[in-house]
């Protein structure tokens, strides 16, 4: 028995929906990428947007463990993309493999971009998926400059998985000025705050 072929459907690309506040963060983050950088990108929703904002003329190497991020890196003409492989989990759009070695075991990224689901004065930086913690922490242990991307609305929020204290980061990028207590906290911990209103680095 031969079945009729399925009717052809238009190809619909899975375009992630970014929060409107992600754009200014993405622009600022992309501005930190320099020629010949080795950079780790996590699987945050805004990361493909960050990559799209990096000028095509810049040559750099991107390490990632997200399918969407890998695709975004491959769209840049002068980028070498390194994907940390493993078992794919669609919920977090990421590959996991705790039993085998990872490129992060031997590489020292000059910069790492980490996304947050929550930033709290007491509970620190948190993320929605505990499965991501091992990769994010390994990147933080190997990275020379740790850059946190966090929308203003995420401050005082606490997600299910605790990643690190705010003081573990070197730079915090947000789309508008932080609440005063977080400004003090960052100043005391030597965390540089970058917003559209802050002075150029």
C-alpha atoms as a PDB file:
ATOM      1  CA  UNK A   1       0.000   0.000   0.000  1.00  0.00           C
ATOM      2  CA  UNK A   2       1.338   3.406  -0.970  1.00  0.00           C
ATOM      3  CA  UNK A   3       0.321   6.403   1.075  1.00  0.00           C
ATOM      4  CA  UNK A   4      -0.321   9.788  -0.417  1.00  0.00           C
ATOM      5  CA  UNK A   5       2.484  12.214   0.355  1.00  0.00           C
ATOM      6  CA  UNK A   6       1.778  14.837   2.944  1.00  0.00           C
ATOM      7  CA  UNK A   7       0.694  18.153   1.471  1.00  0.00           C
ATOM      8  CA  UNK A   8       3.606  20.521   1.184  1.00  0.00           C
ATOM      9  CA  UNK A   9       3.695  23.068   3.933  1.00  0.00           C
ATOM     10  CA  UNK A  10       5.456  26.406   3.864  1.00  0.00           C
ATOM     11  CA  UNK A  11       8.736  26.309   5.737  1.00  0.00           C
ATOM     12  CA  UNK A  12       8.348  28.262   8.939  1.00  0.00           C
ATOM     13  CA  UNK A  13      11.591  29.201  10.585  1.00  0.00           C
ATOM     14  CA  UNK A  14      11.650  28.922  14.344  1.00  0.00           C
ATOM     15  CA  UNK A  15      12.491  32.491  15.196  1.00  0.00           C
ATOM     16  CA  UNK A  16      12.929  33.009  18.935  1.00  0.00           C
ATOM     17  CA  UNK A  17      10.903  35.818  20.411  1.00  0.00           C
ATOM     18  CA  UNK A  18      13.088  38.299  22.222  1.00  0.00           C
ATOM     19  CA  UNK A  19      11.860  40.552  24.967  1.00  0.00           C
ATOM     20  CA  UNK A  20      11.895  44.184  23.840  1.00  0.00           C
ATOM     21  CA  UNK A  21      14.482  44.970  26.527  1.00  0.00           C
ATOM     22  CA  UNK A  22      16.916  42.428  25.046  1.00  0.00           C
ATOM     23  CA  UNK A  23      17.870  44.704  22.136  1.00  0.00           C
ATOM     24  CA  UNK A  24      19.800  47.383  24.078  1.00  0.00           C
ATOM     25  CA  UNK A  25      21.536  44.632  26.071  1.00  0.00           C
ATOM     26  CA  UNK A  26      22.468  42.828  22.852  1.00  0.00           C
ATOM     27  CA  UNK A  27      23.877  46.004  21.298  1.00  0.00           C
ATOM     28  CA  UNK A  28      26.045  46.704  24.357  1.00  0.00           C
ATOM     29  CA  UNK A  29      27.222  43.102  24.634  1.00  0.00           C
ATOM     30  CA  UNK A  30      28.097  42.900  20.936  1.00  0.00           C
ATOM     31  CA  UNK A  31      30.188  46.035  21.339  1.00  0.00           C
ATOM     32  CA  UNK A  32      32.483  44.175  23.723  1.00  0.00           C
ATOM     33  CA  UNK A  33      33.578  41.631  21.103  1.00  0.00           C
ATOM     34  CA  UNK A  34      37.029  42.307  19.670  1.00  0.00           C
ATOM     35  CA  UNK A  35      39.119  40.928  16.830  1.00  0.00           C
ATOM     36  CA  UNK A  36      40.462  37.408  17.500  1.00  0.00           C
ATOM     37  CA  UNK A  37      38.482  36.963  20.718  1.00  0.00           C
ATOM     38  CA  UNK A  38      37.723  33.476  22.003  1.00  0.00           C
ATOM     39  CA  UNK A  39      34.237  33.764  23.509  1.00  0.00           C
ATOM     40  CA  UNK A  40      31.847  31.426  25.308  1.00  0.00           C
ATOM     41  CA  UNK A  41      28.139  32.056  24.738  1.00  0.00           C
ATOM     42  CA  UNK A  42      25.545  30.344  26.937  1.00  0.00           C
ATOM     43  CA  UNK A  43      22.035  29.351  25.832  1.00  0.00           C
ATOM     44  CA  UNK A  44      20.155  32.471  26.907  1.00  0.00           C
ATOM     45  CA  UNK A  45      17.274  33.618  24.716  1.00  0.00           C
ATOM     46  CA  UNK A  46      19.038  36.887  23.890  1.00  0.00           C
ATOM     47  CA  UNK A  47      22.367  35.334  22.836  1.00  0.00           C
ATOM     48  CA  UNK A  48      21.538  34.827  19.115  1.00  0.00           C
ATOM     49  CA  UNK A  49      20.488  38.492  19.054  1.00  0.00           C
ATOM     50  CA  UNK A  50      23.833  39.467  20.616  1.00  0.00           C
ATOM     51  CA  UNK A  51      25.683  37.510  17.932  1.00  0.00           C
ATOM     52  CA  UNK A  52      23.624  39.087  15.140  1.00  0.00           C
ATOM     53  CA  UNK A  53      24.715  42.542  16.359  1.00  0.00           C
ATOM     54  CA  UNK A  54      28.451  41.745  16.124  1.00  0.00           C
ATOM     55  CA  UNK A  55      29.897  43.350  12.972  1.00  0.00           C
ATOM     56  CA  UNK A  56      30.534  40.796  10.211  1.00  0.00           C
ATOM     57  CA  UNK A  57      34.078  42.119   9.726  1.00  0.00           C
ATOM     58  CA  UNK A  58      35.203  40.934  13.171  1.00  0.00           C
ATOM     59  CA  UNK A  59      37.013  37.593  13.236  1.00  0.00           C
ATOM     60  CA  UNK A  60      36.482  35.591  16.419  1.00  0.00           C
ATOM     61  CA  UNK A  61      35.882  32.087  17.746  1.00  0.00           C
ATOM     62  CA  UNK A  62      32.655  31.279  19.569  1.00  0.00           C
ATOM     63  CA  UNK A  63      32.177  28.333  21.921  1.00  0.00           C
ATOM     64  CA  UNK A  64      28.600  27.277  22.625  1.00  0.00           C
ATOM     65  CA  UNK A  65      26.373  24.391  23.659  1.00  0.00           C
ATOM     66  CA  UNK A  66      23.103  25.646  22.169  1.00  0.00           C
ATOM     67  CA  UNK A  67      21.796  24.760  18.710  1.00  0.00           C
ATOM     68  CA  UNK A  68      20.325  28.243  18.107  1.00  0.00           C
ATOM     69  CA  UNK A  69      23.570  29.897  19.196  1.00  0.00           C
ATOM     70  CA  UNK A  70      25.605  27.578  16.964  1.00  0.00           C
ATOM     71  CA  UNK A  71      23.401  28.475  13.980  1.00  0.00           C
ATOM     72  CA  UNK A  72      23.762  32.197  14.765  1.00  0.00           C
ATOM     73  CA  UNK A  73      27.557  31.870  14.947  1.00  0.00           C
ATOM     74  CA  UNK A  74      27.666  30.022  11.627  1.00  0.00           C
ATOM     75  CA  UNK A  75      25.805  32.871   9.943  1.00  0.00           C
ATOM     76  CA  UNK A  76      28.735  35.206  10.660  1.00  0.00           C
ATOM     77  CA  UNK A  77      31.274  35.098   7.798  1.00  0.00           C
ATOM     78  CA  UNK A  78      34.429  35.422   9.929  1.00  0.00           C
ATOM     79  CA  UNK A  79      33.530  33.237  12.889  1.00  0.00           C
ATOM     80  CA  UNK A  80      34.811  29.816  13.869  1.00  0.00           C
ATOM     81  CA  UNK A  81      32.082  28.050  15.870  1.00  0.00           C
ATOM     82  CA  UNK A  82      32.859  25.326  18.421  1.00  0.00           C
ATOM     83  CA  UNK A  83      29.858  23.305  19.610  1.00  0.00           C
ATOM     84  CA  UNK A  84      30.095  21.363  22.865  1.00  0.00           C
ATOM     85  CA  UNK A  85      28.188  18.232  21.861  1.00  0.00           C
ATOM     86  CA  UNK A  86      26.150  15.647  23.714  1.00  0.00           C
ATOM     87  CA  UNK A  87      22.505  14.778  24.199  1.00  0.00           C
ATOM     88  CA  UNK A  88      20.159  17.498  22.957  1.00  0.00           C
ATOM     89  CA  UNK A  89      17.430  18.834  25.255  1.00  0.00           C
ATOM     90  CA  UNK A  90      14.851  20.952  23.437  1.00  0.00           C
ATOM     91  CA  UNK A  91      13.556  22.554  26.657  1.00  0.00           C
ATOM     92  CA  UNK A  92      16.747  24.524  27.039  1.00  0.00           C
ATOM     93  CA  UNK A  93      17.983  24.224  23.431  1.00  0.00           C
ATOM     94  CA  UNK A  94      21.254  22.756  24.670  1.00  0.00           C
ATOM     95  CA  UNK A  95      23.565  19.773  24.389  1.00  0.00           C
ATOM     96  CA  UNK A  96      24.739  17.998  27.552  1.00  0.00           C
ATOM     97  CA  UNK A  97      27.476  15.415  28.048  1.00  0.00           C
ATOM     98  CA  UNK A  98      28.868  15.079  31.558  1.00  0.00           C
ATOM     99  CA  UNK A  99      30.758  11.850  30.840  1.00  0.00           C
ATOM    100  CA  UNK A 100      33.092  13.037  28.059  1.00  0.00           C
ATOM    101  CA  UNK A 101      35.595  15.850  27.778  1.00  0.00           C
ATOM    102  CA  UNK A 102      34.471  19.257  26.549  1.00  0.00           C
ATOM    103  CA  UNK A 103      36.299  21.983  24.595  1.00  0.00           C
ATOM    104  CA  UNK A 104      35.949  24.005  27.799  1.00  0.00           C
ATOM    105  CA  UNK A 105      38.325  21.584  29.534  1.00  0.00           C
ATOM    106  CA  UNK A 106      41.280  22.959  27.580  1.00  0.00           C
ATOM    107  CA  UNK A 107      40.258  26.410  26.301  1.00  0.00           C
ATOM    108  CA  UNK A 108      40.367  29.715  28.173  1.00  0.00           C
ATOM    109  CA  UNK A 109      37.731  32.042  26.698  1.00  0.00           C
ATOM    110  CA  UNK A 110      38.715  35.684  26.827  1.00  0.00           C
ATOM    111  CA  UNK A 111      35.083  36.585  27.489  1.00  0.00           C
ATOM    112  CA  UNK A 112      32.036  34.607  28.537  1.00  0.00           C
ATOM    113  CA  UNK A 113      28.467  35.817  28.158  1.00  0.00           C
ATOM    114  CA  UNK A 114      26.101  34.412  30.782  1.00  0.00           C
ATOM    115  CA  UNK A 115      22.333  35.003  30.832  1.00  0.00           C
ATOM    116  CA  UNK A 116      20.282  35.196  34.016  1.00  0.00           C
ATOM    117  CA  UNK A 117      16.736  34.251  34.976  1.00  0.00           C
ATOM    118  CA  UNK A 118      17.058  36.091  38.267  1.00  0.00           C
ATOM    119  CA  UNK A 119      19.456  38.394  40.129  1.00  0.00           C
ATOM    120  CA  UNK A 120      19.086  38.735  43.876  1.00  0.00           C
ATOM    121  CA  UNK A 121      21.131  40.529  46.529  1.00  0.00           C
ATOM    122  CA  UNK A 122      21.131  37.463  48.819  1.00  0.00           C
ATOM    123  CA  UNK A 123      20.589  34.494  46.448  1.00  0.00           C
ATOM    124  CA  UNK A 124      22.875  35.770  43.693  1.00  0.00           C
ATOM    125  CA  UNK A 125      22.477  34.958  40.005  1.00  0.00           C
ATOM    126  CA  UNK A 126      20.033  32.156  39.227  1.00  0.00           C
ATOM    127  CA  UNK A 127      18.844  30.252  36.161  1.00  0.00           C
ATOM    128  CA  UNK A 128      15.651  28.387  35.298  1.00  0.00           C
ATOM    129  CA  UNK A 129      17.258  25.040  34.398  1.00  0.00           C
ATOM    130  CA  UNK A 130      19.570  23.137  36.797  1.00  0.00           C
ATOM    131  CA  UNK A 131      20.885  21.055  33.858  1.00  0.00           C
ATOM    132  CA  UNK A 132      22.795  24.091  32.588  1.00  0.00           C
ATOM    133  CA  UNK A 133      24.728  24.775  35.781  1.00  0.00           C
ATOM    134  CA  UNK A 134      27.678  22.455  35.110  1.00  0.00           C
ATOM    135  CA  UNK A 135      28.424  23.983  31.695  1.00  0.00           C
ATOM    136  CA  UNK A 136      27.903  27.556  32.853  1.00  0.00           C
ATOM    137  CA  UNK A 137      30.120  27.043  35.906  1.00  0.00           C
ATOM    138  CA  UNK A 138      32.841  25.368  33.861  1.00  0.00           C
ATOM    139  CA  UNK A 139      32.821  28.330  31.478  1.00  0.00           C
ATOM    140  CA  UNK A 140      33.022  30.734  34.408  1.00  0.00           C
ATOM    141  CA  UNK A 141      35.962  28.815  35.869  1.00  0.00           C
ATOM    142  CA  UNK A 142      37.836  29.000  32.543  1.00  0.00           C
ATOM    143  CA  UNK A 143      36.790  32.472  31.382  1.00  0.00           C
ATOM    144  CA  UNK A 144      38.978  35.529  31.840  1.00  0.00           C
ATOM    145  CA  UNK A 145      36.144  38.076  31.810  1.00  0.00           C
ATOM    146  CA  UNK A 146      32.702  37.053  33.001  1.00  0.00           C
ATOM    147  CA  UNK A 147      29.879  39.165  31.574  1.00  0.00           C
ATOM    148  CA  UNK A 148      26.347  38.875  32.967  1.00  0.00           C
ATOM    149  CA  UNK A 149      23.362  39.853  30.811  1.00  0.00           C
ATOM    150  CA  UNK A 150      20.309  40.719  32.911  1.00  0.00           C
ATOM    151  CA  UNK A 151      17.169  42.715  32.152  1.00  0.00           C
ATOM    152  CA  UNK A 152      16.078  45.210  34.793  1.00  0.00           C
ATOM    153  CA  UNK A 153      12.898  43.186  35.447  1.00  0.00           C
ATOM    154  CA  UNK A 154      14.978  40.201  36.615  1.00  0.00           C
ATOM    155  CA  UNK A 155      16.425  42.001  39.635  1.00  0.00           C
ATOM    156  CA  UNK A 156      15.007  40.742  42.952  1.00  0.00           C
ATOM    157  CA  UNK A 157      13.860  37.582  41.117  1.00  0.00           C
ATOM    158  CA  UNK A 158      15.049  34.103  42.140  1.00  0.00           C
ATOM    159  CA  UNK A 159      14.958  31.169  39.695  1.00  0.00           C
ATOM    160  CA  UNK A 160      15.200  27.498  40.628  1.00  0.00           C
ATOM    161  CA  UNK A 161      18.942  26.961  40.035  1.00  0.00           C
ATOM    162  CA  UNK A 162      21.592  28.998  41.843  1.00  0.00           C
ATOM    163  CA  UNK A 163      24.529  29.780  39.551  1.00  0.00           C
ATOM    164  CA  UNK A 164      26.903  32.125  41.387  1.00  0.00           C
ATOM    165  CA  UNK A 165      27.049  35.229  43.557  1.00  0.00           C
ATOM    166  CA  UNK A 166      26.850  38.520  41.688  1.00  0.00           C
ATOM    167  CA  UNK A 167      30.422  39.208  42.805  1.00  0.00           C
ATOM    168  CA  UNK A 168      31.627  36.302  40.605  1.00  0.00           C
ATOM    169  CA  UNK A 169      31.105  38.486  37.512  1.00  0.00           C
ATOM    170  CA  UNK A 170      33.331  41.230  36.138  1.00  0.00           C
ATOM    171  CA  UNK A 171      30.676  43.068  34.110  1.00  0.00           C
ATOM    172  CA  UNK A 172      26.889  43.375  34.325  1.00  0.00           C
ATOM    173  CA  UNK A 173      24.962  44.625  31.283  1.00  0.00           C
ATOM    174  CA  UNK A 174      21.361  45.794  31.614  1.00  0.00           C
ATOM    175  CA  UNK A 175      19.012  47.910  29.528  1.00  0.00           C
ATOM    176  CA  UNK A 176      18.534  50.643  32.133  1.00  0.00           C
ATOM    177  CA  UNK A 177      20.086  51.847  35.393  1.00  0.00           C
ATOM    178  CA  UNK A 178      20.073  49.347  38.250  1.00  0.00           C
ATOM    179  CA  UNK A 179      18.260  49.830  41.572  1.00  0.00           C
ATOM    180  CA  UNK A 180      20.454  51.746  44.025  1.00  0.00           C
ATOM    181  CA  UNK A 181      21.174  48.772  46.302  1.00  0.00           C
ATOM    182  CA  UNK A 182      22.485  46.748  43.350  1.00  0.00           C
ATOM    183  CA  UNK A 183      24.681  49.646  42.259  1.00  0.00           C
ATOM    184  CA  UNK A 184      26.218  49.629  45.735  1.00  0.00           C
ATOM    185  CA  UNK A 185      26.554  45.839  45.720  1.00  0.00           C
ATOM    186  CA  UNK A 186      28.308  45.900  42.343  1.00  0.00           C
ATOM    187  CA  UNK A 187      30.600  48.742  43.357  1.00  0.00           C
ATOM    188  CA  UNK A 188      31.640  46.897  46.521  1.00  0.00           C
ATOM    189  CA  UNK A 189      32.300  43.725  44.504  1.00  0.00           C
ATOM    190  CA  UNK A 190      34.161  45.558  41.688  1.00  0.00           C
ATOM    191  CA  UNK A 191      31.516  44.576  39.129  1.00  0.00           C
ATOM    192  CA  UNK A 192      31.390  47.084  36.255  1.00  0.00           C
ATOM    193  CA  UNK A 193      27.840  48.107  35.310  1.00  0.00           C
ATOM    194  CA  UNK A 194      27.135  48.891  31.658  1.00  0.00           C
ATOM    195  CA  UNK A 195      23.795  50.356  30.568  1.00  0.00           C
ATOM    196  CA  UNK A 196      22.828  52.588  27.617  1.00  0.00           C
ATOM    197  CA  UNK A 197      23.127  55.555  30.001  1.00  0.00           C
ATOM    198  CA  UNK A 198      26.576  54.676  31.351  1.00  0.00           C
ATOM    199  CA  UNK A 199      29.790  56.115  29.990  1.00  0.00           C
ATOM    200  CA  UNK A 200      31.566  54.272  27.195  1.00  0.00           C
ATOM    201  CA  UNK A 201      34.053  51.679  28.337  1.00  0.00           C
END
